C-alpha atoms as a PDB file:
ATOM      1  CA  MET A   1       1.672  11.248   6.243  1.00  0.00           C
ATOM      2  CA  ALA A   2       4.289  10.855   8.904  1.00  0.00           C
ATOM      3  CA  PRO A   3       5.121   7.386   9.804  1.00  0.00           C
ATOM      4  CA  GLY A   4       3.177   6.093  12.934  1.00  0.00           C
ATOM      5  CA  LEU A   5       0.846   3.424  14.340  1.00  0.00           C
ATOM      6  CA  ARG A   6      -2.276   3.473  12.300  1.00  0.00           C
ATOM      7  CA  ILE A   7      -5.009   1.162  11.383  1.00  0.00           C
ATOM      8  CA  TRP A   8      -5.239   0.308   7.747  1.00  0.00           C
ATOM      9  CA  ILE A   9      -7.766  -1.917   5.843  1.00  0.00           C
ATOM     10  CA  LEU A  10      -6.765  -4.214   2.940  1.00  0.00           C
ATOM     11  CA  LEU A  11      -8.876  -4.242  -0.115  1.00  0.00           C
ATOM     12  CA  LEU A  12      -8.234  -6.380  -3.001  1.00  0.00           C
ATOM     13  CA  ALA A  13     -10.081  -6.363  -6.261  1.00  0.00           C
ATOM     14  CA  LEU A  14      -9.016  -9.774  -7.331  1.00  0.00           C
ATOM     15  CA  THR A  15      -9.506 -12.965  -5.171  1.00  0.00           C
ATOM     16  CA  LEU A  16      -6.269 -14.722  -4.533  1.00  0.00           C
ATOM     17  CA  ALA A  17      -5.942 -18.375  -4.834  1.00  0.00           C
ATOM     18  CA  ILE A  18      -6.313 -20.357  -1.554  1.00  0.00           C
ATOM     19  CA  SER A  19      -3.213 -22.245  -2.310  1.00  0.00           C
ATOM     20  CA  HIS A  20      -1.254 -19.057  -1.940  1.00  0.00           C
ATOM     21  CA  PRO A  21       0.851 -19.509   1.256  1.00  0.00           C
ATOM     22  CA  TYR A  22       0.584 -15.858   2.279  1.00  0.00           C
ATOM     23  CA  VAL A  23      -3.078 -15.152   1.034  1.00  0.00           C
ATOM     24  CA  ILE A  24      -4.550 -11.969   2.261  1.00  0.00           C
ATOM     25  CA  PHE A  25      -8.373 -11.812   2.248  1.00  0.00           C
ATOM     26  CA  SER A  26     -10.321  -8.678   1.574  1.00  0.00           C
ATOM     27  CA  ALA A  27     -11.125  -6.499   4.699  1.00  0.00           C
ATOM     28  CA  ASP A  28      -8.196  -7.856   6.726  1.00  0.00           C
ATOM     29  CA  ILE A  29      -7.030  -5.357   9.251  1.00  0.00           C
ATOM     30  CA  GLY A  30      -3.313  -4.311   9.957  1.00  0.00           C
ATOM     31  CA  ILE A  31      -1.271  -1.607  11.399  1.00  0.00           C
ATOM     32  CA  ASN A  32       1.344   0.686  10.069  1.00  0.00           C
ATOM     33  CA  TYR A  33       4.151   0.132  12.414  1.00  0.00           C
ATOM     34  CA  GLY A  34       6.130   3.359  12.672  1.00  0.00           C
ATOM     35  CA  ARG A  35       9.197   3.772  14.785  1.00  0.00           C
ATOM     36  CA  LEU A  36       9.538   7.501  15.142  1.00  0.00           C
ATOM     37  CA  GLY A  37       8.913   8.612  18.692  1.00  0.00           C
ATOM     38  CA  ASN A  38       9.769   8.266  22.350  1.00  0.00           C
ATOM     39  CA  ASP A  39       9.530   5.590  24.880  1.00  0.00           C
ATOM     40  CA  LEU A  40       8.294   3.024  22.258  1.00  0.00           C
ATOM     41  CA  PRO A  41       7.867  -0.514  23.349  1.00  0.00           C
ATOM     42  CA  PRO A  42      10.568  -2.784  21.842  1.00  0.00           C
ATOM     43  CA  PRO A  43       9.490  -4.914  18.641  1.00  0.00           C
ATOM     44  CA  ASP A  44       9.307  -8.173  20.603  1.00  0.00           C
ATOM     45  CA  ARG A  45       6.655  -6.618  22.926  1.00  0.00           C
ATOM     46  CA  VAL A  46       4.787  -5.239  19.871  1.00  0.00           C
ATOM     47  CA  VAL A  47       4.610  -8.550  18.079  1.00  0.00           C
ATOM     48  CA  ASP A  48       3.811 -10.428  21.363  1.00  0.00           C
ATOM     49  CA  PHE A  49       0.737  -7.980  21.796  1.00  0.00           C
ATOM     50  CA  LEU A  50      -0.489  -8.638  18.187  1.00  0.00           C
ATOM     51  CA  VAL A  51       0.133 -12.388  18.460  1.00  0.00           C
ATOM     52  CA  ASN A  52      -0.737 -13.404  22.129  1.00  0.00           C
ATOM     53  CA  LYS A  53      -2.900 -10.540  23.418  1.00  0.00           C
ATOM     54  CA  LEU A  54      -5.140  -9.935  20.142  1.00  0.00           C
ATOM     55  CA  GLY A  55      -4.666 -13.632  18.797  1.00  0.00           C
ATOM     56  CA  TYR A  56      -3.878 -12.418  15.188  1.00  0.00           C
ATOM     57  CA  LYS A  57      -7.048 -10.304  14.998  1.00  0.00           C
ATOM     58  CA  ILE A  58      -4.865  -7.806  13.365  1.00  0.00           C
ATOM     59  CA  PRO A  59      -2.776  -9.892  11.109  1.00  0.00           C
ATOM     60  CA  LEU A  60      -1.129  -7.434   8.981  1.00  0.00           C
ATOM     61  CA  VAL A  61       1.927  -5.049   9.612  1.00  0.00           C
ATOM     62  CA  ARG A  62       3.299  -2.553   7.321  1.00  0.00           C
ATOM     63  CA  LEU A  63       6.842  -1.276   7.883  1.00  0.00           C
ATOM     64  CA  PHE A  64       7.998   2.165   6.552  1.00  0.00           C
ATOM     65  CA  ASP A  65      11.731   0.980   6.351  1.00  0.00           C
ATOM     66  CA  PRO A  66      13.704  -1.948   7.129  1.00  0.00           C
ATOM     67  CA  GLU A  67      14.780  -2.506  10.732  1.00  0.00           C
ATOM     68  CA  PRO A  68      16.726  -5.568  11.641  1.00  0.00           C
ATOM     69  CA  GLN A  69      15.401  -5.758  15.219  1.00  0.00           C
ATOM     70  CA  VAL A  70      11.769  -5.199  13.834  1.00  0.00           C
ATOM     71  CA  LEU A  71      12.121  -7.825  11.222  1.00  0.00           C
ATOM     72  CA  SER A  72      13.546 -10.389  13.499  1.00  0.00           C
ATOM     73  CA  ALA A  73      10.754 -10.115  15.886  1.00  0.00           C
ATOM     74  CA  LEU A  74       8.105 -10.516  13.115  1.00  0.00           C
ATOM     75  CA  ALA A  75       9.947 -13.330  11.802  1.00  0.00           C
ATOM     76  CA  GLN A  76       9.061 -15.115  14.798  1.00  0.00           C
ATOM     77  CA  SER A  77       5.310 -14.796  14.122  1.00  0.00           C
ATOM     78  CA  ASN A  78       2.926 -15.648  11.469  1.00  0.00           C
ATOM     79  CA  LEU A  79       1.987 -11.871  10.980  1.00  0.00           C
ATOM     80  CA  ILE A  80       1.954 -10.889   7.207  1.00  0.00           C
ATOM     81  CA  VAL A  81       4.344  -8.161   6.358  1.00  0.00           C
ATOM     82  CA  THR A  82       4.734  -5.186   4.034  1.00  0.00           C
ATOM     83  CA  LEU A  83       8.277  -3.824   3.923  1.00  0.00           C
ATOM     84  CA  GLY A  84       8.949  -0.365   2.653  1.00  0.00           C
ATOM     85  CA  VAL A  85      12.044   1.028   0.881  1.00  0.00           C
ATOM     86  CA  LYS A  86      12.890   4.325   2.442  1.00  0.00           C
ATOM     87  CA  ASN A  87      12.319   7.415   0.250  1.00  0.00           C
ATOM     88  CA  GLU A  88      16.017   8.609   0.432  1.00  0.00           C
ATOM     89  CA  ASP A  89      16.715   5.081  -0.916  1.00  0.00           C
ATOM     90  CA  LEU A  90      14.734   5.256  -4.024  1.00  0.00           C
ATOM     91  CA  ALA A  91      17.352   7.190  -6.160  1.00  0.00           C
ATOM     92  CA  PRO A  92      20.196   4.664  -5.646  1.00  0.00           C
ATOM     93  CA  MET A  93      17.640   1.863  -5.801  1.00  0.00           C
ATOM     94  CA  ALA A  94      16.465   3.119  -9.182  1.00  0.00           C
ATOM     95  CA  SER A  95      19.933   3.551 -10.714  1.00  0.00           C
ATOM     96  CA  SER A  96      21.738   0.499  -9.433  1.00  0.00           C
ATOM     97  CA  ILE A  97      20.667  -3.259  -9.659  1.00  0.00           C
ATOM     98  CA  ASP A  98      23.579  -3.859  -7.300  1.00  0.00           C
ATOM     99  CA  PHE A  99      22.156  -1.548  -4.657  1.00  0.00           C
ATOM    100  CA  ALA A 100      18.685  -3.263  -4.969  1.00  0.00           C
ATOM    101  CA  ARG A 101      20.299  -6.719  -4.870  1.00  0.00           C
ATOM    102  CA  ASN A 102      22.400  -5.774  -1.592  1.00  0.00           C
ATOM    103  CA  TRP A 103      19.126  -4.325  -0.135  1.00  0.00           C
ATOM    104  CA  ILE A 104      17.305  -7.501  -0.856  1.00  0.00           C
ATOM    105  CA  ARG A 105      20.150  -9.753   0.629  1.00  0.00           C
ATOM    106  CA  GLN A 106      20.316  -7.658   3.698  1.00  0.00           C
ATOM    107  CA  PHE A 107      16.689  -7.182   4.608  1.00  0.00           C
ATOM    108  CA  VAL A 108      14.776  -9.822   2.984  1.00  0.00           C
ATOM    109  CA  THR A 109      16.715 -12.933   2.358  1.00  0.00           C
ATOM    110  CA  PRO A 110      18.078 -13.457   5.968  1.00  0.00           C
ATOM    111  CA  TYR A 111      14.470 -13.233   7.384  1.00  0.00           C
ATOM    112  CA  ILE A 112      12.702 -15.320   4.932  1.00  0.00           C
ATOM    113  CA  ASN A 113      15.011 -18.406   4.553  1.00  0.00           C
ATOM    114  CA  LYS A 114      14.363 -21.347   7.115  1.00  0.00           C
ATOM    115  CA  GLY A 115      17.520 -22.174   8.877  1.00  0.00           C
ATOM    116  CA  THR A 116      19.163 -18.975   9.317  1.00  0.00           C
ATOM    117  CA  GLY A 117      18.270 -18.721  12.815  1.00  0.00           C
ATOM    118  CA  ASN A 118      15.990 -15.650  12.219  1.00  0.00           C
ATOM    119  CA  GLY A 119      12.745 -17.486  11.907  1.00  0.00           C
ATOM    120  CA  THR A 120      10.714 -17.120   8.702  1.00  0.00           C
ATOM    121  CA  LEU A 121       9.405 -13.868   7.795  1.00  0.00           C
ATOM    122  CA  ARG A 122       5.801 -13.983   5.954  1.00  0.00           C
ATOM    123  CA  LEU A 123       6.687 -11.177   3.615  1.00  0.00           C
ATOM    124  CA  ARG A 124       3.991 -10.370   1.152  1.00  0.00           C
ATOM    125  CA  TYR A 125       4.581  -6.815  -0.303  1.00  0.00           C
ATOM    126  CA  ILE A 126       7.685  -4.487  -0.802  1.00  0.00           C
ATOM    127  CA  THR A 127       6.823  -0.949  -1.442  1.00  0.00           C
ATOM    128  CA  ALA A 128       9.096   1.537  -3.105  1.00  0.00           C
ATOM    129  CA  GLY A 129       8.679   4.757  -1.361  1.00  0.00           C
ATOM    130  CA  ASN A 130       5.849   6.250   0.662  1.00  0.00           C
ATOM    131  CA  GLU A 131       3.918   9.384  -0.934  1.00  0.00           C
ATOM    132  CA  VAL A 132       6.720  10.567  -2.951  1.00  0.00           C
ATOM    133  CA  ILE A 133       4.145  11.071  -5.878  1.00  0.00           C
ATOM    134  CA  PRO A 134       3.989  14.053  -6.695  1.00  0.00           C
ATOM    135  CA  GLY A 135       7.401  15.107  -5.645  1.00  0.00           C
ATOM    136  CA  THR A 136      11.224  15.349  -6.775  1.00  0.00           C
ATOM    137  CA  GLU A 137      11.596  11.621  -6.041  1.00  0.00           C
ATOM    138  CA  ALA A 138       8.694  10.476  -7.975  1.00  0.00           C
ATOM    139  CA  ILE A 139      10.901   9.706 -11.101  1.00  0.00           C
ATOM    140  CA  TYR A 140      12.829   7.062  -9.171  1.00  0.00           C
ATOM    141  CA  VAL A 141       9.739   5.056  -8.285  1.00  0.00           C
ATOM    142  CA  LEU A 142       9.022   2.836 -11.206  1.00  0.00           C
ATOM    143  CA  PRO A 143      12.730   2.142 -11.915  1.00  0.00           C
ATOM    144  CA  ALA A 144      13.068   1.239  -8.360  1.00  0.00           C
ATOM    145  CA  MET A 145      10.245  -1.101  -8.570  1.00  0.00           C
ATOM    146  CA  ARG A 146      11.584  -2.774 -11.792  1.00  0.00           C
ATOM    147  CA  ASN A 147      14.866  -3.264  -9.885  1.00  0.00           C
ATOM    148  CA  ILE A 148      13.347  -4.837  -6.927  1.00  0.00           C
ATOM    149  CA  ARG A 149      11.176  -7.192  -9.185  1.00  0.00           C
ATOM    150  CA  GLN A 150      14.122  -8.127 -11.122  1.00  0.00           C
ATOM    151  CA  VAL A 151      16.065  -9.169  -8.091  1.00  0.00           C
ATOM    152  CA  LEU A 152      13.200 -10.977  -6.472  1.00  0.00           C
ATOM    153  CA  THR A 153      13.164 -13.040  -9.703  1.00  0.00           C
ATOM    154  CA  GLU A 154      16.969 -13.548  -9.905  1.00  0.00           C
ATOM    155  CA  GLU A 155      17.012 -14.597  -6.119  1.00  0.00           C
ATOM    156  CA  GLN A 156      13.958 -16.881  -6.701  1.00  0.00           C
ATOM    157  CA  ILE A 157      11.888 -15.134  -3.866  1.00  0.00           C
ATOM    158  CA  PRO A 158       8.071 -16.058  -4.835  1.00  0.00           C
ATOM    159  CA  TYR A 159       4.969 -14.766  -3.415  1.00  0.00           C
ATOM    160  CA  VAL A 160       6.378 -11.247  -2.864  1.00  0.00           C
ATOM    161  CA  SER A 161       4.736  -8.378  -4.627  1.00  0.00           C
ATOM    162  CA  VAL A 162       6.208  -4.975  -5.409  1.00  0.00           C
ATOM    163  CA  SER A 163       4.353  -1.628  -5.257  1.00  0.00           C
ATOM    164  CA  THR A 164       4.494   2.035  -4.102  1.00  0.00           C
ATOM    165  CA  VAL A 165       2.326   4.055  -1.781  1.00  0.00           C
ATOM    166  CA  VAL A 166       0.584   7.122  -3.095  1.00  0.00           C
ATOM    167  CA  ALA A 167      -1.813   9.618  -1.423  1.00  0.00           C
ATOM    168  CA  ALA A 168      -4.931  11.475  -2.909  1.00  0.00           C
ATOM    169  CA  THR A 169      -2.480  14.151  -4.216  1.00  0.00           C
ATOM    170  CA  ALA A 170      -1.693  11.801  -6.922  1.00  0.00           C
ATOM    171  CA  LEU A 171      -4.988  12.560  -8.183  1.00  0.00           C
ATOM    172  CA  GLY A 172      -5.938  15.634 -10.592  1.00  0.00           C
ATOM    173  CA  VAL A 173      -9.661  14.884 -10.765  1.00  0.00           C
ATOM    174  CA  SER A 174     -11.540  12.874  -8.102  1.00  0.00           C
ATOM    175  CA  TYR A 175     -15.136  14.173  -8.618  1.00  0.00           C
ATOM    176  CA  PRO A 176     -17.220  12.550  -9.820  1.00  0.00           C
ATOM    177  CA  PRO A 177     -15.399   9.302  -9.013  1.00  0.00           C
ATOM    178  CA  SER A 178     -15.792   7.923 -12.599  1.00  0.00           C
ATOM    179  CA  ALA A 179     -13.941  11.069 -13.923  1.00  0.00           C
ATOM    180  CA  GLY A 180     -11.014  10.109 -11.555  1.00  0.00           C
ATOM    181  CA  SER A 181      -7.576  10.907 -13.364  1.00  0.00           C
ATOM    182  CA  PHE A 182      -3.903  11.422 -12.192  1.00  0.00           C
ATOM    183  CA  ASN A 183      -2.532  14.773 -11.554  1.00  0.00           C
ATOM    184  CA  PRO A 184      -1.227  15.925 -14.784  1.00  0.00           C
ATOM    185  CA  GLU A 185       2.240  16.760 -13.130  1.00  0.00           C
ATOM    186  CA  VAL A 186       2.528  13.032 -12.508  1.00  0.00           C
ATOM    187  CA  ALA A 187       0.249  11.548 -15.148  1.00  0.00           C
ATOM    188  CA  GLY A 188       3.055  10.147 -17.216  1.00  0.00           C
ATOM    189  CA  ILE A 189       4.681   8.491 -14.254  1.00  0.00           C
ATOM    190  CA  MET A 190       1.460   7.112 -12.754  1.00  0.00           C
ATOM    191  CA  ASN A 191       0.258   5.808 -16.257  1.00  0.00           C
ATOM    192  CA  ASP A 192       3.500   3.885 -16.504  1.00  0.00           C
ATOM    193  CA  ILE A 193       3.379   2.606 -12.873  1.00  0.00           C
ATOM    194  CA  SER A 194      -0.285   1.608 -13.634  1.00  0.00           C
ATOM    195  CA  ASN A 195       0.711  -0.352 -16.580  1.00  0.00           C
ATOM    196  CA  PHE A 196       3.572  -1.990 -14.817  1.00  0.00           C
ATOM    197  CA  LEU A 197       1.467  -3.192 -11.858  1.00  0.00           C
ATOM    198  CA  TYR A 198      -1.340  -4.418 -14.457  1.00  0.00           C
ATOM    199  CA  THR A 199       1.613  -6.412 -16.244  1.00  0.00           C
ATOM    200  CA  THR A 200       2.855  -8.115 -13.064  1.00  0.00           C
ATOM    201  CA  GLY A 201      -0.296  -8.576 -11.386  1.00  0.00           C
ATOM    202  CA  GLU A 202       0.431  -6.402  -8.316  1.00  0.00           C
ATOM    203  CA  PRO A 203      -1.607  -3.775  -6.657  1.00  0.00           C
ATOM    204  CA  LEU A 204      -1.161  -0.153  -6.072  1.00  0.00           C
ATOM    205  CA  MET A 205      -1.286   1.018  -2.398  1.00  0.00           C
ATOM    206  CA  ILE A 206      -3.268   4.195  -1.821  1.00  0.00           C
ATOM    207  CA  ASN A 207      -3.550   6.382   1.314  1.00  0.00           C
ATOM    208  CA  VAL A 208      -7.212   7.486   1.544  1.00  0.00           C
ATOM    209  CA  TYR A 209      -8.052  10.210   4.272  1.00  0.00           C
ATOM    210  CA  PRO A 210     -11.701  11.324   4.164  1.00  0.00           C
ATOM    211  CA  TYR A 211     -10.925  13.424   7.147  1.00  0.00           C
ATOM    212  CA  PHE A 212      -8.584  15.508   5.253  1.00  0.00           C
ATOM    213  CA  ALA A 213     -11.186  16.209   2.619  1.00  0.00           C
ATOM    214  CA  LEU A 214     -13.507  17.079   5.416  1.00  0.00           C
ATOM    215  CA  VAL A 215     -11.481  19.761   7.079  1.00  0.00           C
ATOM    216  CA  SER A 216     -10.295  21.302   3.793  1.00  0.00           C
ATOM    217  CA  ASP A 217     -13.879  21.750   2.505  1.00  0.00           C
ATOM    218  CA  PRO A 218     -16.277  21.319   5.577  1.00  0.00           C
ATOM    219  CA  ILE A 219     -19.110  23.483   3.480  1.00  0.00           C
ATOM    220  CA  HIS A 220     -19.369  20.999   0.541  1.00  0.00           C
ATOM    221  CA  VAL A 221     -18.377  17.637   2.456  1.00  0.00           C
ATOM    222  CA  PRO A 222     -21.130  16.895   4.902  1.00  0.00           C
ATOM    223  CA  LEU A 223     -19.983  15.412   8.164  1.00  0.00           C
ATOM    224  CA  ASP A 224     -22.143  12.495   8.072  1.00  0.00           C
ATOM    225  CA  TYR A 225     -20.876  11.572   4.538  1.00  0.00           C
ATOM    226  CA  ALA A 226     -17.287  11.565   5.591  1.00  0.00           C
ATOM    227  CA  LEU A 227     -18.060   9.276   8.682  1.00  0.00           C
ATOM    228  CA  PHE A 228     -20.097   6.570   7.081  1.00  0.00           C
ATOM    229  CA  GLN A 229     -23.202   7.781   8.696  1.00  0.00           C
ATOM    230  CA  SER A 230     -25.119   9.282   5.670  1.00  0.00           C
ATOM    231  CA  THR A 231     -28.514   7.749   4.850  1.00  0.00           C
ATOM    232  CA  THR A 232     -28.790   9.449   1.654  1.00  0.00           C
ATOM    233  CA  PRO A 233     -26.402   9.418  -1.186  1.00  0.00           C
ATOM    234  CA  GLY A 234     -23.764  12.097  -1.024  1.00  0.00           C
ATOM    235  CA  VAL A 235     -22.618  11.764  -4.544  1.00  0.00           C
ATOM    236  CA  ARG A 236     -24.495  10.430  -7.566  1.00  0.00           C
ATOM    237  CA  ASP A 237     -22.279   9.441 -10.542  1.00  0.00           C
ATOM    238  CA  GLY A 238     -24.435   7.949 -13.197  1.00  0.00           C
ATOM    239  CA  ASP A 239     -26.101   4.798 -12.049  1.00  0.00           C
ATOM    240  CA  ARG A 240     -23.942   4.900  -9.020  1.00  0.00           C
ATOM    241  CA  GLN A 241     -24.684   6.116  -5.543  1.00  0.00           C
ATOM    242  CA  TYR A 242     -22.107   7.029  -2.906  1.00  0.00           C
ATOM    243  CA  PHE A 243     -23.295   6.984   0.799  1.00  0.00           C
ATOM    244  CA  ASN A 244     -19.769   7.740   2.058  1.00  0.00           C
ATOM    245  CA  LEU A 245     -16.800   9.793   0.937  1.00  0.00           C
ATOM    246  CA  PHE A 246     -14.359   6.743   1.456  1.00  0.00           C
ATOM    247  CA  ASP A 247     -15.902   4.693  -1.380  1.00  0.00           C
ATOM    248  CA  ALA A 248     -15.858   7.582  -3.816  1.00  0.00           C
ATOM    249  CA  MET A 249     -12.272   8.265  -3.049  1.00  0.00           C
ATOM    250  CA  VAL A 250     -11.279   4.679  -3.687  1.00  0.00           C
ATOM    251  CA  ASP A 251     -13.319   4.480  -7.033  1.00  0.00           C
ATOM    252  CA  ALA A 252     -11.730   7.806  -8.176  1.00  0.00           C
ATOM    253  CA  PHE A 253      -8.356   5.834  -8.126  1.00  0.00           C
ATOM    254  CA  VAL A 254      -9.923   2.906  -9.768  1.00  0.00           C
ATOM    255  CA  ALA A 255     -10.933   5.199 -12.555  1.00  0.00           C
ATOM    256  CA  ALA A 256      -7.834   7.084 -12.660  1.00  0.00           C
ATOM    257  CA  MET A 257      -5.925   3.613 -13.016  1.00  0.00           C
ATOM    258  CA  ALA A 258      -8.304   2.312 -15.669  1.00  0.00           C
ATOM    259  CA  ARG A 259      -8.010   5.557 -17.436  1.00  0.00           C
ATOM    260  CA  ALA A 260      -4.216   5.256 -17.322  1.00  0.00           C
ATOM    261  CA  MET A 261      -4.469   2.014 -19.232  1.00  0.00           C
ATOM    262  CA  VAL A 262      -6.981   2.987 -21.781  1.00  0.00           C
ATOM    263  CA  ASN A 263      -4.571   2.344 -24.613  1.00  0.00           C
ATOM    264  CA  SER A 264      -3.591  -1.129 -23.340  1.00  0.00           C
ATOM    265  CA  LEU A 265      -4.677  -3.901 -25.848  1.00  0.00           C
ATOM    266  CA  GLU A 266      -5.726  -5.812 -22.721  1.00  0.00           C
ATOM    267  CA  MET A 267      -7.890  -3.221 -21.124  1.00  0.00           C
ATOM    268  CA  ARG A 268     -11.094  -4.967 -21.559  1.00  0.00           C
ATOM    269  CA  LYS A 269      -9.681  -7.888 -19.501  1.00  0.00           C
ATOM    270  CA  ALA A 270      -7.887  -5.791 -17.081  1.00  0.00           C
ATOM    271  CA  SER A 271      -8.696  -6.539 -13.316  1.00  0.00           C
ATOM    272  CA  LEU A 272      -7.378  -3.386 -11.209  1.00  0.00           C
ATOM    273  CA  ARG A 273      -6.056  -4.191  -7.801  1.00  0.00           C
ATOM    274  CA  GLN A 274      -5.570  -1.656  -5.014  1.00  0.00           C
ATOM    275  CA  ILE A 275      -4.555  -1.788  -1.403  1.00  0.00           C
ATOM    276  CA  LEU A 276      -5.744   0.814   0.955  1.00  0.00           C
ATOM    277  CA  SER A 277      -2.545   1.304   3.106  1.00  0.00           C
ATOM    278  CA  GLU A 278      -3.587   4.139   5.513  1.00  0.00           C
ATOM    279  CA  THR A 279      -6.934   5.705   6.543  1.00  0.00           C
ATOM    280  CA  MET A 280      -8.135   7.762   9.585  1.00  0.00           C
ATOM    281  CA  ASN A 281     -11.800   7.061   9.499  1.00  0.00           C
ATOM    282  CA  ILE A 282     -11.574   3.933  11.819  1.00  0.00           C
ATOM    283  CA  ILE A 283     -12.262   4.290  15.484  1.00  0.00           C
ATOM    284  CA  VAL A 284     -10.422   1.711  17.704  1.00  0.00           C
ATOM    285  CA  SER A 285     -11.666   1.304  21.191  1.00  0.00           C
END
C-alpha cells in the first residue's frame, strides 16, 4: 500500500510490563505518517495537531522512512514512534553491519539521547521494509532485521523492537482461519522470520484490509461481514465463530505463525505477538 496518512490499530497478544517506559496498550490508535503528496503541512504542525489539538488521543506514529525534520519534530513530543527502513535500503542493510550501524547512528541515536539538542524520541519499533514479502527484496528482510538487532544491542539502545511489515499476500491459505499458512513462495522466509521474532520476543506487523477482500470477491464476502455489522457468524471454524472478516484475517496470520513454528521445541510455550499496522475499515469523522 502506498505510504499515506492512515489510521491503524495496535494489537498485542502479550501484555507488556507496566514498568516499560514506552508501553503500548492493546487497542491504542495511531497514524501512518506518509510524506508523499503536495501541500503537506510541516512536521511540527502535524505533531502540534496530535499533541495539542487531539491531546494525545492518537499517541502512536508510524514512519515509512526516516526524515530528520520529522524525527526532530516527534522528538519534542511524547508520541510513540515506529520507524521504517526504506525498501531500497534493505539490500545494503542486510549485507553490511556497517551500513546498519551508520543508519542507526544517523537516524536513531541523535534523536533518542537526551542532551543532543534534538529532544528525546520515544522510539518503540524499527521495521525492515514495508510489504516486500513476497517480492524480489524478501530475501533481504531477515538479514536486515538481524543486523539492526545486533547494532541496537551493541549501541546499548534498549526498548526498541525490530520487525517487518507484511500484507495478506504473504498468506497462501487464509480460510478457514485455523488453516492459515504462508504463501509457499515465501514460506521458508516467513518461517525463519516467525522463529526470529519468537526468539527475540518481538511482534510481526501485519497490514489487514477487509476492504480489498470485499471488492475482490463481493459475491462470497458479505458487506456486513466486512464492515463489522454482521449479526450472524460469517465463518464457523471448529468451535470458533467469526462475525467479521477482520478477526478472521488476523487469526489466519496467527495460525500461519504458529504453523511456521511447529517444529520449535518451545512451541507449546509460545506467545505470538502481532501488530496491526494498517487497515481501512475505520471511519474517522
